[in-house]
Amino acid sequence: MSVTGSRRSASLPVPTPSRSGVALLCSSESGDSFDVCLRLSRDALTIQKLDVVCTDGSEPKANHRAVVLRRQVAGGLGLSIKGGAEHNVPVVISKIFKNQVADQTGKLFVGDAVLQVNGINVERCTHQEVVHLLRTAGDEVTLTVRYLSEVPSFLKLPLGSPGLDQNQASSPLFNSGFHLNGNNTAPPPSPSANEPKYEKRWLDAVCLPLRMARVSRRRAGSDKLRSNCFELFSPDASSSSVLQFCSAAESSDWLQAIAANIGELTQESIKMLNKSSSSDDQIVHMGWVCEAPENSAPCRSSAFRFLALRGPYFYIFRRPPVGATDWGKPETTYNLYEVLFKVHKLWLAEDCWLQARLFLGLHGSPEQPDGDPLCFSILVGHGQSHTFRVELASDLATWDKSFQRAVFLEVQRVGSKSYMCSSQGSVLSFTLDFGSGFTCSDVTSKAVLWRYKFSQLKGSSDDGKTRVKLLFKNADSNQIEMKELEFANLTAVLHCIHSFIAAKVASMEPGFLCGQSLAPHISS
């Protein structure tokens, strides 16, 4: 990405709404960047580009302007140019010398692209051809120009920039002021009152809606972080804007501000959808994440996914669901009580203060190094898993809390869950009940073989395939009793056990109940 020489200038006008600032908009195709003004509202981020407008009302926007220059006695026009067709860039006015400017009719700006010289089209001319034409155009030169708001960054390099040798300094990509400037230092005459008046203004160029939008600090198709930079995608990913800032602090500040607005709009959408949904189909949380390829396959890059915790299911979408039919077309769904949530690579483990900030969901977390992103894993049946990355520590904390709440609600809703199993050649039914705990019964006779409360489970072990050993403490004898069972999908059963026990523990925690607004706990 080339950004050299394209830093904002102190002379650029900046509007002052509630939240605004100047940044660089980077082109993913050419790698060039140019100054833009950002205006952040609750619902959208508006990107403004600098352009030239006519202020006397004669025309709404001055795309093309005719400027008449009268050559000075010394032969100069008081300007410099850069660029040319041989470099696939337009010829641009790169400098206007205040004390050497020629008598001009109309307004000329740095950043104007030269379209015509005395009626001759020069858009496909080389740098030297335009220089020659300007030198031999006569005492009165009429330039047709258009303000070029997206000037390629290398055209903005000043003559004599550090790192340039003499051959580079004489390149047509740099100022050709020697050929076009005169030595007359007389001030320019005052413009006529009847002449059109032009000035630079910030004009709206792109408006990105924030509802269901997503942000990423990493380059497309790569897990490498951008420098002081992030990309904002529209909800349907049809458009995006890469924004770069002066410092990591400024980039982080804008990222968090945009993410906060996206989060508020998401919560608003959740409330609206929940009003029209049954009590068993409520959305707890949803939002964008980035999914890492399984087993870190080098041939595959990360992909964005939209996750939702709704009713009994954990949903994975490629795009946000808009209508009711979209909810019926997810990429994948899993039963919530058979899914295990796990924070992946907890980079805060060695710093208790930062760890506290993570679980409190506070903003201001430092940006992470490339090899240690903010991730969580979803472990599902048959040993399958998904690993997702988020951009902020507060996002990770939100998913953690939301998953706990969603599982709690689902366990309370279903009340109990039974799985077929076998033990010593007999077919059994293993039941988890939120109120009573563990029960195992004979499938044929329906007779209960044993029953234990959740609090009586003292340990477990499994072979990683089908068999599990559960260790229970007998309430009467205080002896440990082992029950060995075999399941077709052992992982799903173990996750379900974890979900029921976690829900039972949470139901006994007053703070959890107050925070989640859930029903009183059921004693076991």
Protein backbone atom coordinates (compact mmCIF):
# COMPACT_ATOMS: atom_id res chain seq x y z
CA MET A 1 0.00 0.00 0.00
CA SER A 2 1.45 3.29 -1.06
CA VAL A 3 0.59 6.21 1.18
CA THR A 4 3.75 8.28 0.97
CA GLY A 5 3.11 11.97 0.60
CA SER A 6 -0.66 11.70 1.01
CA ARG A 7 -0.99 12.83 4.62
CA ARG A 8 -3.65 15.36 5.37
CA SER A 9 -2.80 19.02 4.98
CA ALA A 10 -3.52 21.69 7.55
CA SER A 11 -5.19 23.75 4.81
CA LEU A 12 -7.91 21.17 4.15
CA PRO A 13 -11.34 22.25 5.43
CA VAL A 14 -12.84 19.88 7.97
CA PRO A 15 -16.54 19.97 8.95
CA THR A 16 -17.36 19.69 12.62
CA PRO A 17 -20.45 17.51 13.21
CA SER A 18 -20.82 15.37 16.35
CA ARG A 19 -18.23 12.86 15.14
CA SER A 20 -15.90 13.59 12.24
CA GLY A 21 -12.29 13.39 11.22
CA VAL A 22 -9.89 13.18 8.30
CA ALA A 23 -8.44 9.85 7.21
CA LEU A 24 -6.94 8.19 4.15
CA LEU A 25 -9.15 6.12 1.86
CA CYS A 26 -7.02 3.36 0.36
CA SER A 27 -7.71 1.76 -3.00
CA SER A 28 -7.43 -2.03 -2.84
CA GLU A 29 -6.84 -2.17 -6.61
CA SER A 30 -4.15 0.44 -7.17
CA GLY A 31 -2.78 0.71 -3.63
CA ASP A 32 -3.09 4.51 -3.78
CA SER A 33 -4.71 6.57 -1.06
CA PHE A 34 -6.20 10.03 -0.74
CA ASP A 35 -7.63 12.30 1.93
CA VAL A 36 -11.26 11.89 2.91
CA CYS A 37 -13.44 13.29 5.66
CA LEU A 38 -15.39 10.83 7.83
CA ARG A 39 -18.77 11.65 9.34
CA LEU A 40 -20.06 9.01 11.72
CA SER A 41 -23.74 8.97 12.63
CA ARG A 42 -25.73 6.37 14.51
CA ASP A 43 -26.84 4.60 11.33
CA ALA A 44 -24.09 5.20 8.77
CA LEU A 45 -20.54 6.24 8.04
CA THR A 46 -20.39 8.91 5.35
CA ILE A 47 -17.13 9.31 3.45
CA GLN A 48 -16.60 12.72 1.87
CA LYS A 49 -14.12 13.58 -0.85
CA LEU A 50 -12.67 17.01 -1.49
CA ASP A 51 -14.02 18.60 -4.69
CA VAL A 52 -14.35 22.03 -6.28
CA VAL A 53 -17.76 23.72 -6.36
CA CYS A 54 -19.02 26.99 -7.78
CA THR A 55 -20.23 29.17 -4.92
CA ASP A 56 -22.10 31.86 -6.88
CA GLY A 57 -24.98 29.58 -7.88
CA SER A 58 -24.19 29.55 -11.61
CA GLU A 59 -23.62 25.78 -11.58
CA PRO A 60 -24.19 23.15 -8.89
CA LYS A 61 -20.79 21.50 -9.25
CA ALA A 62 -17.77 22.51 -11.30
CA ASN A 63 -16.59 19.27 -12.86
CA HIS A 64 -14.89 21.02 -15.79
CA ARG A 65 -13.64 24.60 -15.65
CA ALA A 66 -11.97 26.85 -18.19
CA VAL A 67 -9.12 28.90 -16.71
CA VAL A 68 -7.39 31.58 -18.80
CA LEU A 69 -3.73 32.30 -17.95
CA ARG A 70 -1.81 35.25 -19.38
CA ARG A 71 1.87 34.57 -19.66
CA GLN A 72 4.25 36.68 -17.60
CA VAL A 73 6.99 38.82 -19.08
CA ALA A 74 9.54 36.19 -18.05
CA GLY A 75 7.58 33.55 -19.92
CA GLY A 76 6.29 31.55 -16.98
CA LEU A 77 2.75 30.55 -16.03
CA GLY A 78 3.42 30.29 -12.28
CA LEU A 79 2.60 26.61 -11.92
CA SER A 80 4.10 23.11 -11.93
CA ILE A 81 2.69 19.85 -13.28
CA LYS A 82 3.22 16.13 -12.65
CA GLY A 83 2.15 12.92 -14.35
CA GLY A 84 1.54 11.93 -17.96
CA ALA A 85 0.05 9.24 -20.19
CA GLU A 86 3.29 7.24 -20.25
CA HIS A 87 2.66 6.48 -16.56
CA ASN A 88 -1.10 5.86 -16.98
CA VAL A 89 -1.90 8.87 -14.81
CA PRO A 90 -3.32 12.28 -15.73
CA VAL A 91 -1.27 15.47 -15.87
CA VAL A 92 -2.02 17.24 -12.59
CA ILE A 93 -1.35 20.78 -11.33
CA SER A 94 1.07 19.99 -8.52
CA LYS A 95 2.04 23.47 -7.37
CA ILE A 96 0.89 27.09 -7.81
CA PHE A 97 3.49 29.71 -6.90
CA LYS A 98 1.79 32.50 -4.96
CA ASN A 99 4.33 35.19 -5.81
CA GLN A 100 4.86 34.07 -9.38
CA VAL A 101 1.31 33.27 -10.50
CA ALA A 102 0.30 34.72 -13.84
CA ASP A 103 -2.77 36.86 -14.45
CA GLN A 104 -5.63 34.36 -14.54
CA THR A 105 -9.36 34.37 -15.23
CA GLY A 106 -11.16 31.64 -13.27
CA LYS A 107 -9.84 29.65 -10.32
CA LEU A 108 -7.05 27.08 -10.52
CA PHE A 109 -6.36 24.59 -7.71
CA VAL A 110 -3.57 22.22 -6.84
CA GLY A 111 -4.97 18.82 -7.72
CA ASP A 112 -6.63 19.98 -10.95
CA ALA A 113 -6.19 17.54 -13.84
CA VAL A 114 -5.38 19.26 -17.14
CA LEU A 115 -7.88 18.10 -19.80
CA GLN A 116 -7.25 20.64 -22.60
CA VAL A 117 -4.72 23.32 -23.51
CA ASN A 118 -6.19 25.97 -25.85
CA GLY A 119 -8.87 23.47 -26.89
CA ILE A 120 -6.39 20.63 -27.57
CA ASN A 121 -7.20 17.47 -25.63
CA VAL A 122 -4.16 16.38 -23.62
CA GLU A 123 -5.68 13.54 -21.57
CA ARG A 124 -3.62 10.99 -23.55
CA CYS A 125 -0.49 13.11 -23.91
CA THR A 126 2.83 12.40 -22.27
CA HIS A 127 4.36 14.66 -19.68
CA GLN A 128 6.87 16.20 -22.11
CA GLU A 129 4.16 16.74 -24.73
CA VAL A 130 2.08 18.76 -22.29
CA VAL A 131 5.14 20.73 -21.15
CA HIS A 132 5.99 21.56 -24.77
CA LEU A 133 2.40 22.58 -25.52
CA LEU A 134 2.25 24.88 -22.49
CA ARG A 135 5.56 26.53 -23.37
CA THR A 136 4.51 27.24 -26.97
CA ALA A 137 0.81 28.01 -26.38
CA GLY A 138 1.16 31.79 -26.75
CA ASP A 139 0.73 34.69 -24.37
CA GLU A 140 -2.81 33.67 -23.41
CA VAL A 141 -3.33 30.05 -22.39
CA THR A 142 -6.77 28.55 -21.77
CA LEU A 143 -6.69 25.45 -19.59
CA THR A 144 -9.71 23.18 -19.24
CA VAL A 145 -9.33 21.45 -15.89
CA ARG A 146 -11.20 19.16 -13.54
CA TYR A 147 -10.46 18.86 -9.85
CA LEU A 148 -9.05 15.39 -9.21
CA SER A 149 -10.02 14.40 -5.67
CA GLU A 150 -8.42 10.95 -6.00
CA VAL A 151 -4.89 11.99 -6.92
CA PRO A 152 -2.54 8.95 -7.00
CA SER A 153 -0.34 9.20 -3.94
CA PHE A 154 2.98 9.16 -5.82
CA LEU A 155 1.91 12.29 -7.75
CA LYS A 156 1.85 14.13 -4.43
CA LEU A 157 5.56 13.61 -3.72
CA PRO A 158 7.29 16.97 -3.47
CA LEU A 159 10.45 17.69 -5.42
CA GLY A 160 13.52 16.76 -3.39
CA SER A 161 11.75 14.22 -1.14
CA PRO A 162 14.10 12.08 0.98
CA GLY A 163 15.33 8.99 -0.79
CA LEU A 164 15.11 10.46 -4.31
CA ASP A 165 18.21 10.61 -6.48
CA GLN A 166 18.76 13.25 -9.15
CA ASN A 167 17.43 11.03 -11.94
CA GLN A 168 14.21 10.47 -10.03
CA ALA A 169 13.86 14.16 -9.26
CA SER A 170 13.90 14.96 -12.98
CA SER A 171 11.33 12.27 -13.75
CA PRO A 172 8.03 13.40 -15.32
CA LEU A 173 6.35 12.03 -12.20
CA PHE A 174 7.77 15.01 -10.33
CA ASN A 175 7.39 18.77 -10.70
CA SER A 176 8.16 20.35 -14.06
CA GLY A 177 8.08 23.83 -12.59
CA PHE A 178 11.41 24.81 -14.16
CA HIS A 179 9.79 24.86 -17.59
CA LEU A 180 6.61 26.66 -16.60
CA ASN A 181 7.55 29.21 -13.92
CA GLY A 182 8.63 32.77 -14.55
CA ASN A 183 10.58 35.22 -12.43
CA ASN A 184 7.93 37.92 -12.22
CA THR A 185 7.11 38.47 -8.55
CA ALA A 186 4.26 40.94 -9.09
CA PRO A 187 1.09 40.01 -7.19
CA PRO A 188 -1.86 38.78 -9.25
CA PRO A 189 -4.68 41.20 -10.06
CA SER A 190 -7.93 40.99 -8.09
CA PRO A 191 -10.58 38.80 -9.74
CA SER A 192 -13.50 40.45 -11.44
CA ALA A 193 -16.79 40.54 -9.58
CA ASN A 194 -18.50 38.91 -12.56
CA GLU A 195 -16.19 35.91 -12.66
CA PRO A 196 -17.40 32.57 -11.22
CA LYS A 197 -16.19 31.90 -7.70
CA TYR A 198 -14.88 28.45 -6.82
CA GLU A 199 -13.80 26.83 -3.61
CA LYS A 200 -12.90 23.40 -2.26
CA ARG A 201 -15.58 21.61 -0.28
CA TRP A 202 -16.13 18.18 1.24
CA LEU A 203 -18.85 16.42 -0.75
CA ASP A 204 -20.55 13.13 0.15
CA ALA A 205 -19.06 10.31 -1.94
CA VAL A 206 -19.92 7.05 -0.12
CA CYS A 207 -22.49 6.28 2.57
CA LEU A 208 -22.04 2.89 4.26
CA PRO A 209 -25.02 1.76 6.38
CA LEU A 210 -23.93 0.32 9.72
CA ARG A 211 -26.84 -2.02 10.45
CA MET A 212 -25.41 -5.54 10.03
CA ALA A 213 -22.13 -4.07 8.68
CA ARG A 214 -18.76 -5.55 9.68
CA VAL A 215 -15.20 -4.36 10.22
CA SER A 216 -11.85 -6.08 9.84
CA ARG A 217 -8.32 -5.00 10.70
CA ARG A 218 -6.79 -7.69 8.49
CA ARG A 219 -5.98 -7.70 4.80
CA ALA A 220 -8.36 -9.55 2.49
CA GLY A 221 -7.35 -13.19 2.10
CA SER A 222 -4.75 -12.87 4.85
CA ASP A 223 -4.54 -13.03 8.63
CA LYS A 224 -1.99 -10.20 8.79
CA LEU A 225 -3.00 -7.01 10.54
CA ARG A 226 -3.10 -3.74 8.63
CA SER A 227 -1.04 -0.88 10.01
CA ASN A 228 -3.24 1.76 11.70
CA CYS A 229 -5.95 0.65 9.36
CA PHE A 230 -9.25 -1.24 9.08
CA GLU A 231 -11.83 -2.09 6.44
CA LEU A 232 -15.55 -1.43 6.75
CA PHE A 233 -17.88 -3.70 4.73
CA SER A 234 -21.50 -3.06 3.79
CA PRO A 235 -24.00 -5.67 5.12
CA ASP A 236 -24.11 -7.54 1.80
CA ALA A 237 -20.32 -7.18 1.31
CA SER A 238 -20.96 -5.57 -2.10
CA SER A 239 -18.83 -2.56 -1.13
CA SER A 240 -16.12 -1.76 1.37
CA SER A 241 -13.77 1.05 2.31
CA VAL A 242 -10.23 0.72 3.68
CA LEU A 243 -9.47 3.57 6.07
CA GLN A 244 -6.01 4.46 7.36
CA PHE A 245 -5.17 6.80 10.23
CA CYS A 246 -2.15 8.62 11.62
CA SER A 247 -1.71 6.38 14.65
CA ALA A 248 -2.80 3.09 16.14
CA ALA A 249 -4.67 4.99 18.86
CA GLU A 250 -6.71 6.98 16.34
CA SER A 251 -7.44 3.84 14.30
CA SER A 252 -8.54 1.98 17.43
CA ASP A 253 -10.72 4.90 18.51
CA TRP A 254 -12.57 5.00 15.19
CA LEU A 255 -12.84 1.20 15.06
CA GLN A 256 -14.42 1.08 18.51
CA ALA A 257 -16.79 3.97 17.73
CA ILE A 258 -18.01 2.28 14.54
CA ALA A 259 -18.22 -1.12 16.26
CA ALA A 260 -20.25 0.42 19.10
CA ASN A 261 -22.79 1.84 16.64
CA ILE A 262 -23.00 -1.50 14.82
CA GLY A 263 -23.57 -3.20 18.17
CA GLU A 264 -26.37 -0.80 19.14
CA LEU A 265 -28.10 -1.30 15.80
CA THR A 266 -27.77 -5.08 16.15
CA GLN A 267 -29.40 -4.98 19.58
CA GLU A 268 -32.19 -2.87 18.13
CA SER A 269 -32.73 -5.46 15.38
CA ILE A 270 -32.77 -8.25 17.96
CA LYS A 271 -35.48 -6.48 19.98
CA MET A 272 -37.60 -5.93 16.87
CA LEU A 273 -37.32 -9.59 15.81
CA ASN A 274 -38.04 -10.85 19.32
CA LYS A 275 -41.29 -8.86 19.48
CA SER A 276 -42.69 -10.97 16.64
CA SER A 277 -41.21 -14.28 17.88
CA SER A 278 -42.49 -16.79 20.41
CA SER A 279 -40.90 -17.08 23.84
CA ASP A 280 -39.12 -20.26 22.73
CA ASP A 281 -37.61 -18.62 19.64
CA GLN A 282 -35.96 -15.52 21.09
CA ILE A 283 -32.63 -14.22 19.80
CA VAL A 284 -30.00 -13.83 22.52
CA HIS A 285 -27.20 -12.48 20.34
CA MET A 286 -26.01 -12.32 16.73
CA GLY A 287 -23.19 -10.71 14.79
CA TRP A 288 -20.25 -11.04 12.42
CA VAL A 289 -17.11 -13.09 13.13
CA CYS A 290 -14.26 -14.39 11.01
CA GLU A 291 -13.94 -18.17 10.78
CA ALA A 292 -10.46 -19.68 10.57
CA PRO A 293 -10.06 -22.70 8.26
CA GLU A 294 -10.06 -26.12 9.92
CA ASN A 295 -6.64 -27.37 11.03
CA SER A 296 -5.17 -24.01 9.82
CA ALA A 297 -5.07 -25.30 6.25
CA PRO A 298 -2.57 -23.11 4.38
CA CYS A 299 -4.53 -23.36 1.12
CA ARG A 300 -7.63 -21.79 2.66
CA SER A 301 -8.10 -18.26 3.93
CA SER A 302 -10.38 -17.03 6.69
CA ALA A 303 -14.00 -16.31 5.81
CA PHE A 304 -16.59 -14.09 7.46
CA ARG A 305 -19.62 -15.74 9.01
CA PHE A 306 -22.73 -14.35 10.68
CA LEU A 307 -23.57 -16.18 13.91
CA ALA A 308 -26.84 -16.20 15.83
CA LEU A 309 -27.97 -17.65 19.14
CA ARG A 310 -31.70 -18.08 18.66
CA GLY A 311 -34.11 -20.38 20.47
CA PRO A 312 -32.78 -23.95 20.60
CA TYR A 313 -30.12 -23.47 17.92
CA PHE A 314 -26.72 -22.01 17.22
CA TYR A 315 -26.83 -20.71 13.62
CA ILE A 316 -23.98 -20.12 11.16
CA PHE A 317 -24.84 -17.99 8.10
CA ARG A 318 -22.83 -16.69 5.18
CA ARG A 319 -24.90 -13.50 5.18
CA PRO A 320 -27.16 -11.90 7.78
CA PRO A 321 -30.73 -13.27 7.67
CA VAL A 322 -33.07 -10.51 6.50
CA GLY A 323 -36.47 -12.20 6.22
CA ALA A 324 -38.16 -15.18 7.85
CA THR A 325 -37.17 -17.46 4.95
CA ASP A 326 -33.48 -16.61 5.47
CA TRP A 327 -33.60 -18.08 8.96
CA GLY A 328 -34.57 -21.38 7.39
CA LYS A 329 -31.49 -21.42 5.14
CA PRO A 330 -28.43 -21.34 7.42
CA GLU A 331 -25.13 -22.85 6.42
CA THR A 332 -25.10 -24.94 9.62
CA THR A 333 -27.17 -25.31 12.79
CA TYR A 334 -26.37 -27.03 16.08
CA ASN A 335 -28.44 -27.83 19.17
CA LEU A 336 -27.31 -25.32 21.78
CA TYR A 337 -27.09 -27.78 24.66
CA GLU A 338 -24.77 -30.03 22.60
CA VAL A 339 -22.30 -27.24 21.81
CA LEU A 340 -19.35 -26.26 23.99
CA PHE A 341 -18.08 -22.67 23.95
CA LYS A 342 -14.38 -22.17 24.67
CA VAL A 343 -12.20 -19.07 24.67
CA HIS A 344 -9.26 -19.87 22.40
CA LYS A 345 -5.68 -18.72 23.13
CA LEU A 346 -6.49 -16.42 26.01
CA TRP A 347 -3.77 -13.84 25.44
CA LEU A 348 -4.68 -12.10 28.71
CA ALA A 349 -3.85 -15.04 30.97
CA GLU A 350 -0.70 -13.45 32.39
CA ASP A 351 -2.30 -10.09 33.15
CA CYS A 352 -5.16 -10.23 35.64
CA TRP A 353 -6.09 -6.58 35.10
CA LEU A 354 -6.44 -6.98 31.35
CA GLN A 355 -8.29 -10.24 31.91
CA ALA A 356 -10.75 -8.42 34.16
CA ARG A 357 -11.30 -5.81 31.44
CA LEU A 358 -12.05 -8.57 28.93
CA PHE A 359 -14.77 -10.21 31.01
CA LEU A 360 -16.22 -6.86 32.01
CA GLY A 361 -16.49 -6.02 28.31
CA LEU A 362 -14.61 -2.74 28.65
CA HIS A 363 -13.29 -0.88 25.62
CA GLY A 364 -9.74 0.23 25.08
CA SER A 365 -8.11 -3.15 24.65
CA PRO A 366 -4.71 -3.10 22.94
CA GLU A 367 -4.47 -4.39 19.39
CA GLN A 368 -3.27 -7.96 19.14
CA PRO A 369 -0.18 -9.29 17.40
CA ASP A 370 -0.72 -11.34 14.25
CA GLY A 371 -0.15 -14.69 15.90
CA ASP A 372 -2.42 -14.17 18.90
CA PRO A 373 -5.88 -12.95 17.82
CA LEU A 374 -9.07 -12.80 19.88
CA CYS A 375 -10.70 -16.16 19.20
CA PHE A 376 -13.29 -18.56 20.55
CA SER A 377 -14.08 -22.13 19.55
CA ILE A 378 -17.36 -23.95 19.13
CA LEU A 379 -16.93 -27.68 19.84
CA VAL A 380 -19.71 -29.89 18.47
CA GLY A 381 -20.50 -33.59 18.06
CA HIS A 382 -18.11 -36.22 16.68
CA GLY A 383 -15.12 -34.05 17.57
CA GLN A 384 -15.93 -31.30 15.07
CA SER A 385 -15.16 -27.68 15.84
CA HIS A 386 -15.27 -24.13 14.48
CA THR A 387 -12.84 -21.37 15.45
CA PHE A 388 -14.00 -17.77 15.15
CA ARG A 389 -12.08 -14.50 15.49
CA VAL A 390 -13.46 -11.16 16.67
CA GLU A 391 -11.97 -7.68 16.45
CA LEU A 392 -12.35 -6.39 20.01
CA ALA A 393 -11.99 -7.86 23.48
CA SER A 394 -15.48 -6.58 24.29
CA ASP A 395 -16.83 -8.69 21.39
CA LEU A 396 -15.23 -11.79 22.89
CA ALA A 397 -16.75 -11.05 26.29
CA THR A 398 -20.18 -10.45 24.73
CA TRP A 399 -20.14 -13.80 22.92
CA ASP A 400 -19.03 -15.58 26.10
CA LYS A 401 -21.83 -14.08 28.20
CA SER A 402 -24.43 -14.50 25.47
CA PHE A 403 -23.60 -18.15 24.95
CA GLN A 404 -23.93 -18.85 28.67
CA ARG A 405 -27.32 -17.16 28.72
CA ALA A 406 -28.55 -18.89 25.55
CA VAL A 407 -27.59 -22.33 26.87
CA PHE A 408 -29.19 -21.57 30.24
CA LEU A 409 -32.47 -20.58 28.58
CA GLU A 410 -32.47 -23.64 26.32
CA VAL A 411 -31.75 -26.07 29.17
CA GLN A 412 -34.57 -24.54 31.18
CA ARG A 413 -36.88 -24.77 28.16
CA VAL A 414 -36.25 -28.44 27.32
CA GLY A 415 -36.05 -29.51 30.97
CA SER A 416 -34.62 -32.91 30.12
CA LYS A 417 -32.77 -34.75 27.38
CA SER A 418 -32.43 -38.51 26.82
CA TYR A 419 -29.81 -40.48 24.87
CA MET A 420 -29.73 -44.16 23.92
CA CYS A 421 -26.71 -46.01 25.26
CA SER A 422 -25.51 -49.47 26.16
CA SER A 423 -23.85 -51.09 29.15
CA GLN A 424 -22.73 -54.73 29.41
CA GLY A 425 -24.82 -55.67 26.38
CA SER A 426 -28.03 -54.01 27.62
CA VAL A 427 -29.73 -51.12 25.77
CA LEU A 428 -30.37 -48.25 28.19
CA SER A 429 -31.80 -44.77 28.22
CA PHE A 430 -29.61 -42.11 29.82
CA THR A 431 -31.56 -38.99 30.86
CA LEU A 432 -30.39 -35.56 32.00
CA ASP A 433 -33.08 -33.69 33.92
CA PHE A 434 -32.64 -30.07 35.03
CA GLY A 435 -34.60 -30.75 38.20
CA SER A 436 -33.55 -34.24 39.28
CA GLY A 437 -30.13 -34.86 37.70
CA PHE A 438 -28.95 -38.15 36.08
CA THR A 439 -31.21 -41.13 35.48
CA CYS A 440 -30.51 -44.42 33.72
CA SER A 441 -33.33 -46.84 32.89
CA ASP A 442 -33.88 -50.04 30.95
CA VAL A 443 -35.38 -49.35 27.52
CA THR A 444 -37.53 -52.51 27.51
CA SER A 445 -38.92 -52.56 31.05
CA LYS A 446 -38.68 -48.79 31.69
CA ALA A 447 -37.32 -49.65 35.12
CA VAL A 448 -34.98 -47.07 36.68
CA LEU A 449 -31.56 -48.63 37.27
CA TRP A 450 -29.93 -45.72 39.08
CA ARG A 451 -30.40 -42.01 39.75
CA TYR A 452 -28.01 -39.31 40.99
CA LYS A 453 -28.16 -35.57 41.52
CA PHE A 454 -25.84 -33.26 39.60
CA SER A 455 -23.99 -32.52 42.84
CA GLN A 456 -23.14 -36.23 43.22
CA LEU A 457 -21.02 -36.35 40.05
CA LYS A 458 -17.41 -36.34 41.27
CA GLY A 459 -15.47 -37.12 38.11
CA SER A 460 -15.45 -38.67 34.66
CA SER A 461 -13.15 -40.11 32.05
CA ASP A 462 -13.62 -41.29 28.48
CA ASP A 463 -11.74 -43.04 25.71
CA GLY A 464 -12.33 -40.21 23.21
CA LYS A 465 -14.51 -42.48 21.07
CA THR A 466 -17.68 -44.02 22.54
CA ARG A 467 -17.15 -44.98 26.20
CA VAL A 468 -17.38 -42.83 29.30
CA LYS A 469 -16.96 -43.63 33.00
CA LEU A 470 -19.00 -41.49 35.40
CA LEU A 471 -18.02 -41.38 39.09
CA PHE A 472 -20.84 -40.65 41.55
CA LYS A 473 -20.81 -40.34 45.33
CA ASN A 474 -23.45 -42.47 47.01
CA ALA A 475 -25.38 -40.23 49.42
CA ASP A 476 -25.96 -43.05 51.94
CA SER A 477 -22.61 -44.85 51.97
CA ASN A 478 -20.39 -41.95 50.85
CA GLN A 479 -18.71 -44.42 48.54
CA ILE A 480 -17.73 -43.64 44.93
CA GLU A 481 -19.71 -45.65 42.40
CA MET A 482 -18.62 -45.98 38.76
CA LYS A 483 -21.06 -46.23 35.87
CA GLU A 484 -19.64 -47.12 32.46
CA LEU A 485 -21.77 -46.29 29.40
CA GLU A 486 -21.28 -46.38 25.64
CA PHE A 487 -22.81 -43.78 23.26
CA ALA A 488 -22.97 -43.42 19.48
CA ASN A 489 -22.09 -39.71 19.76
CA LEU A 490 -20.13 -39.41 22.97
CA THR A 491 -19.03 -35.81 22.36
CA ALA A 492 -22.61 -34.53 22.09
CA VAL A 493 -23.53 -36.32 25.34
CA LEU A 494 -20.55 -34.89 27.22
CA HIS A 495 -21.36 -31.39 25.98
CA CYS A 496 -24.98 -31.84 27.04
CA ILE A 497 -23.87 -32.91 30.51
CA HIS A 498 -21.66 -29.82 30.70
CA SER A 499 -24.56 -27.58 29.61
CA PHE A 500 -26.98 -28.99 32.19
CA ILE A 501 -24.46 -28.75 35.04
CA ALA A 502 -23.44 -25.20 34.03
CA ALA A 503 -27.10 -24.19 33.89
CA LYS A 504 -27.71 -25.73 37.32
CA VAL A 505 -24.76 -23.84 38.81
CA ALA A 506 -25.89 -20.60 37.17
CA SER A 507 -29.42 -21.04 38.51
CA MET A 508 -28.01 -21.07 42.03
CA GLU A 509 -26.03 -17.85 41.50
CA PRO A 510 -28.16 -14.80 42.42
CA GLY A 511 -25.91 -12.43 40.49
CA PHE A 512 -26.33 -14.45 37.33
CA LEU A 513 -30.09 -14.52 37.70
CA CYS A 514 -30.31 -10.76 38.28
CA GLY A 515 -28.10 -10.01 35.32
CA GLN A 516 -29.96 -12.38 32.98
CA SER A 517 -33.53 -11.73 34.26
CA LEU A 518 -34.25 -15.46 34.46
CA ALA A 519 -36.66 -17.50 36.54
CA PRO A 520 -35.77 -18.66 40.09
CA HIS A 521 -33.61 -21.74 40.36
CA ILE A 522 -35.01 -25.24 40.73
CA SER A 523 -33.55 -27.18 43.62
CA SER A 524 -32.14 -30.62 42.91
